[in-house]
Amino acid sequence: MLALATPVRLGDPQEITRAKRDVVLAIDISGSMDARDFPGPDKTRIQRLEAVRGVVAGFVERRQGDRMALIVFGSQAFVQAPLTEDLDTVLALLEQTEVGMAGPHTALGDALGLAIRTFEASDIDQRLLILLSDGNDTASRMSPINAADIAAQKSVEIYAIGVGDPDATGEDRLDQTVLADIAKRTGGQDFFAGDTESLEEIYTRIDDLVPRETETLSWRPRQDLSYLCLGLAVSLGLLVMAHGVFRRRITA
């Protein structure tokens, strides 16, 4: 009867903390990101992607415990890392990215569409996309504005960062107006970074605007004790049987 009652022993309370927001980084690695016109910390001109990698790496390191994904895009967009808590892997993949790996052009709208699909694997309601690009959209099958509208419907908040030369023309032209429209449609913000210092300030500001939020789950481990009751019942039964056999042998 005790075994059928399924007695259990409750262990000490256990807690696990997990992030309440998923973050996707979408980084432009088109041909124009190879331009060595970005003022570094000492004001020397460095490659745009080199400057971006260093600043983004610091941002990722500060979000330990969050789930993050990495998307890179040029003529096409690719998921380098799906949503994961293994930020060391995200950092390693970010370090391995090179200009031109995804083609020379800029598929901004396709990158947004891929980010939206990446979020479909998430069961977390708060979704943040940080988009960084140095050019206007020249290769997308999906309009960036249409993609932004879909992102808003999917509760994806976009923070768009423009880097590069705002006075450039053609493929290298930075369309900050489109970035601002993309961010506005999703409830996010847009920024322009003219050098490494301003880029670092932008990522710090994003940290302040969307600080890491967590939820704590608590439970108490349960150990089933039914097997002890069954073991005790079997032991008593064997003792009774042995006692009966012993008595019969004595009387015989």
Protein backbone atom coordinates (compact mmCIF):
# COMPACT_ATOMS: atom_id res chain seq x y z
CA MET A 1 0.00 0.00 0.00
CA LEU A 2 2.85 2.39 0.81
CA ALA A 3 4.48 1.67 -2.55
CA LEU A 4 1.20 2.36 -4.37
CA ALA A 5 1.06 5.75 -2.61
CA THR A 6 4.32 6.63 -4.51
CA PRO A 7 6.17 8.39 -1.70
CA VAL A 8 8.91 10.82 -2.81
CA ARG A 9 11.75 12.72 -1.18
CA LEU A 10 12.07 16.40 -2.13
CA GLY A 11 15.63 17.67 -2.61
CA ASP A 12 16.96 21.15 -2.03
CA PRO A 13 15.48 23.90 -4.26
CA GLN A 14 17.34 24.27 -7.57
CA GLU A 15 17.36 27.40 -9.75
CA ILE A 16 18.32 28.03 -13.36
CA THR A 17 18.56 31.46 -14.95
CA ARG A 18 17.92 31.92 -18.65
CA ALA A 19 17.71 34.94 -20.93
CA LYS A 20 14.32 36.40 -21.81
CA ARG A 21 15.56 37.81 -25.11
CA ASP A 22 17.17 36.26 -28.20
CA VAL A 23 19.62 38.36 -30.22
CA VAL A 24 20.57 38.01 -33.88
CA LEU A 25 23.58 39.87 -35.29
CA ALA A 26 23.43 40.58 -39.05
CA ILE A 27 26.83 41.77 -40.34
CA ASP A 28 27.49 43.14 -43.82
CA ILE A 29 30.60 41.53 -45.38
CA SER A 30 30.09 42.80 -48.93
CA GLY A 31 33.03 44.00 -51.02
CA SER A 32 32.79 47.58 -49.77
CA MET A 33 33.61 46.41 -46.23
CA ASP A 34 37.17 45.91 -47.44
CA ALA A 35 37.69 49.68 -47.72
CA ARG A 36 40.45 50.88 -45.41
CA ASP A 37 38.88 54.21 -44.55
CA PHE A 38 37.53 53.58 -41.06
CA PRO A 39 39.29 55.59 -38.31
CA GLY A 40 40.56 53.21 -35.63
CA PRO A 41 41.22 53.92 -31.94
CA ASP A 42 44.47 55.75 -32.80
CA LYS A 43 42.79 57.48 -35.79
CA THR A 44 44.73 55.41 -38.31
CA ARG A 45 42.64 54.10 -41.19
CA ILE A 46 41.74 50.41 -40.89
CA GLN A 47 39.52 47.99 -42.78
CA ARG A 48 35.82 48.49 -42.07
CA LEU A 49 35.19 44.81 -41.28
CA GLU A 50 38.24 44.67 -39.00
CA ALA A 51 36.89 47.56 -36.96
CA VAL A 52 33.41 46.05 -36.83
CA ARG A 53 34.67 42.62 -35.73
CA GLY A 54 36.54 44.08 -32.77
CA VAL A 55 33.61 46.14 -31.50
CA VAL A 56 31.00 43.42 -32.07
CA ALA A 57 33.20 40.87 -30.27
CA GLY A 58 33.22 43.07 -27.17
CA PHE A 59 29.44 43.39 -27.36
CA VAL A 60 29.01 39.61 -27.58
CA GLU A 61 31.32 39.02 -24.61
CA ARG A 62 29.20 41.36 -22.46
CA ARG A 63 26.07 39.34 -23.14
CA GLN A 64 27.21 36.06 -21.59
CA GLY A 65 24.12 34.00 -20.80
CA ASP A 66 22.09 35.32 -23.73
CA ARG A 67 21.28 33.28 -26.81
CA MET A 68 22.74 34.81 -29.95
CA ALA A 69 22.89 34.01 -33.66
CA LEU A 70 25.22 35.35 -36.34
CA ILE A 71 24.17 36.13 -39.92
CA VAL A 72 26.57 37.44 -42.55
CA PHE A 73 25.48 38.84 -45.89
CA GLY A 74 26.80 40.13 -49.17
CA SER A 75 25.15 39.16 -52.45
CA GLN A 76 23.49 36.42 -50.37
CA ALA A 77 22.78 35.96 -46.67
CA PHE A 78 23.96 33.00 -44.61
CA VAL A 79 23.51 31.81 -41.03
CA GLN A 80 27.00 31.44 -39.58
CA ALA A 81 25.70 30.43 -36.14
CA PRO A 82 22.09 29.59 -35.18
CA LEU A 83 20.68 30.77 -31.88
CA THR A 84 22.98 29.42 -29.18
CA GLU A 85 24.25 30.14 -25.68
CA ASP A 86 27.74 29.09 -26.81
CA LEU A 87 29.00 32.62 -27.39
CA ASP A 88 32.59 31.41 -27.72
CA THR A 89 31.57 29.68 -30.94
CA VAL A 90 29.81 32.83 -32.14
CA LEU A 91 32.99 34.81 -31.47
CA ALA A 92 35.15 32.24 -33.27
CA LEU A 93 32.90 32.29 -36.33
CA LEU A 94 32.82 36.08 -36.30
CA GLU A 95 36.62 36.15 -36.28
CA GLN A 96 36.72 33.81 -39.29
CA THR A 97 34.47 35.98 -41.47
CA GLU A 98 36.18 37.68 -44.39
CA VAL A 99 35.08 40.30 -46.88
CA GLY A 100 33.53 38.80 -50.00
CA MET A 101 32.70 35.39 -48.48
CA ALA A 102 29.02 36.01 -49.30
CA GLY A 103 29.60 37.90 -52.56
CA PRO A 104 30.45 41.50 -53.43
CA HIS A 105 26.99 43.08 -53.39
CA THR A 106 24.57 43.95 -50.56
CA ALA A 107 21.41 41.88 -50.02
CA LEU A 108 20.02 43.83 -47.09
CA GLY A 109 16.41 42.71 -47.45
CA ASP A 110 17.38 39.05 -47.76
CA ALA A 111 19.45 39.33 -44.57
CA LEU A 112 16.40 40.66 -42.73
CA GLY A 113 14.28 37.82 -44.11
CA LEU A 114 16.83 35.24 -43.00
CA ALA A 115 16.95 36.79 -39.52
CA ILE A 116 13.16 36.53 -39.26
CA ARG A 117 13.33 32.83 -40.18
CA THR A 118 16.08 32.34 -37.61
CA PHE A 119 13.81 33.72 -34.91
CA GLU A 120 11.15 31.15 -35.83
CA ALA A 121 13.25 28.59 -33.94
CA SER A 122 12.84 30.68 -30.78
CA ASP A 123 10.11 30.28 -28.18
CA ILE A 124 11.08 33.59 -26.53
CA ASP A 125 8.84 36.57 -27.19
CA GLN A 126 11.50 39.31 -26.96
CA ARG A 127 13.55 39.29 -30.16
CA LEU A 128 16.32 41.75 -31.01
CA LEU A 129 18.06 42.11 -34.39
CA ILE A 130 21.19 44.24 -34.61
CA LEU A 131 21.84 45.06 -38.26
CA LEU A 132 25.12 46.57 -39.47
CA SER A 133 25.71 47.61 -43.06
CA ASP A 134 27.85 50.04 -45.05
CA GLY A 135 25.90 50.07 -48.31
CA ASN A 136 22.52 50.33 -49.94
CA ASP A 137 20.49 47.29 -50.97
CA THR A 138 21.52 46.15 -54.46
CA ALA A 139 20.96 42.38 -54.55
CA SER A 140 17.89 41.45 -52.51
CA ARG A 141 14.90 39.52 -53.75
CA MET A 142 12.91 41.00 -50.85
CA SER A 143 12.59 44.73 -50.27
CA PRO A 144 14.17 45.81 -46.96
CA ILE A 145 11.04 47.80 -46.13
CA ASN A 146 8.76 44.80 -46.74
CA ALA A 147 11.09 42.67 -44.64
CA ALA A 148 10.93 45.26 -41.84
CA ASP A 149 7.12 45.18 -41.90
CA ILE A 150 7.19 41.40 -41.55
CA ALA A 151 9.72 41.71 -38.72
CA ALA A 152 7.36 44.08 -36.90
CA GLN A 153 4.54 41.55 -37.24
CA LYS A 154 6.84 38.89 -35.76
CA SER A 155 7.76 41.16 -32.79
CA VAL A 156 11.36 41.52 -33.99
CA GLU A 157 12.90 44.81 -32.85
CA ILE A 158 15.65 46.09 -35.17
CA TYR A 159 18.58 48.34 -34.27
CA ALA A 160 20.24 49.41 -37.52
CA ILE A 161 23.81 50.72 -37.65
CA GLY A 162 25.30 52.40 -40.70
CA VAL A 163 29.07 52.55 -41.18
CA GLY A 164 31.23 53.89 -43.98
CA ASP A 165 31.20 57.03 -46.09
CA PRO A 166 27.82 58.82 -46.28
CA ASP A 167 29.11 60.80 -49.29
CA ALA A 168 29.97 57.70 -51.35
CA THR A 169 28.08 56.90 -54.52
CA GLY A 170 26.96 53.77 -56.37
CA GLU A 171 27.41 50.38 -54.70
CA ASP A 172 29.21 51.93 -51.73
CA ARG A 173 26.50 54.52 -51.05
CA LEU A 174 25.21 54.30 -47.50
CA ASP A 175 21.42 54.61 -47.44
CA GLN A 176 20.94 55.77 -43.85
CA THR A 177 17.36 56.78 -44.67
CA VAL A 178 16.41 53.16 -45.38
CA LEU A 179 18.15 51.98 -42.20
CA ALA A 180 16.21 54.57 -40.21
CA ASP A 181 12.92 53.47 -41.82
CA ILE A 182 13.69 49.81 -41.09
CA ALA A 183 14.37 50.52 -37.43
CA LYS A 184 11.37 52.83 -37.00
CA ARG A 185 8.91 50.29 -38.42
CA THR A 186 9.94 47.74 -35.76
CA GLY A 187 10.15 50.09 -32.77
CA GLY A 188 13.95 50.13 -32.80
CA GLN A 189 16.52 52.84 -33.50
CA ASP A 190 19.08 53.68 -36.15
CA PHE A 191 22.65 54.92 -35.71
CA PHE A 192 25.57 56.08 -37.80
CA ALA A 193 29.15 55.21 -36.86
CA GLY A 194 31.90 57.28 -38.42
CA ASP A 195 34.78 55.73 -36.50
CA THR A 196 35.62 52.98 -34.02
CA GLU A 197 34.93 55.18 -31.00
CA SER A 198 31.42 56.08 -32.13
CA LEU A 199 30.75 52.44 -33.07
CA GLU A 200 31.73 51.33 -29.56
CA GLU A 201 29.49 54.03 -28.09
CA ILE A 202 26.58 52.76 -30.20
CA TYR A 203 26.94 49.18 -28.97
CA THR A 204 27.26 50.44 -25.40
CA ARG A 205 24.10 52.46 -25.89
CA ILE A 206 22.29 49.41 -27.26
CA ASP A 207 23.45 47.55 -24.14
CA ASP A 208 21.86 50.30 -22.04
CA LEU A 209 18.67 50.45 -24.10
CA VAL A 210 18.14 46.70 -24.13
CA PRO A 211 19.95 45.35 -21.05
CA ARG A 212 20.14 41.63 -20.53
CA GLU A 213 16.86 40.39 -19.06
CA THR A 214 16.55 37.04 -17.38
CA GLU A 215 13.98 34.81 -15.78
CA THR A 216 14.68 32.37 -12.99
CA LEU A 217 13.13 28.91 -13.03
CA SER A 218 13.00 27.02 -9.74
CA TRP A 219 12.24 23.41 -8.98
CA ARG A 220 12.93 20.75 -6.35
CA PRO A 221 14.30 17.39 -7.49
CA ARG A 222 12.07 14.45 -6.54
CA GLN A 223 13.40 11.02 -5.65
CA ASP A 224 10.91 8.18 -5.90
CA LEU A 225 10.93 6.05 -2.70
CA SER A 226 8.44 3.41 -3.89
CA TYR A 227 11.28 0.96 -4.50
CA LEU A 228 12.17 1.08 -0.76
CA CYS A 229 8.62 0.12 0.22
CA LEU A 230 8.57 -2.68 -2.33
CA GLY A 231 11.96 -3.90 -1.13
CA LEU A 232 10.73 -3.86 2.48
CA ALA A 233 7.57 -5.79 1.54
CA VAL A 234 9.57 -8.42 -0.35
CA SER A 235 12.03 -8.75 2.55
CA LEU A 236 9.24 -9.21 5.11
CA GLY A 237 7.53 -11.74 2.84
CA LEU A 238 10.74 -13.76 2.53
CA LEU A 239 11.27 -13.63 6.30
CA VAL A 240 7.74 -14.91 6.93
CA MET A 241 8.19 -17.70 4.41
CA ALA A 242 11.56 -18.67 5.90
CA HIS A 243 10.09 -18.64 9.41
CA GLY A 244 7.25 -20.94 8.30
CA VAL A 245 9.65 -23.39 6.64
CA PHE A 246 11.89 -23.37 9.72
CA ARG A 247 8.95 -24.12 12.08
CA ARG A 248 7.72 -27.00 9.91
CA ARG A 249 11.16 -28.58 9.96
CA ILE A 250 11.37 -28.28 13.76
CA THR A 251 7.94 -29.88 14.32
CA ALA A 252 8.76 -32.63 11.81
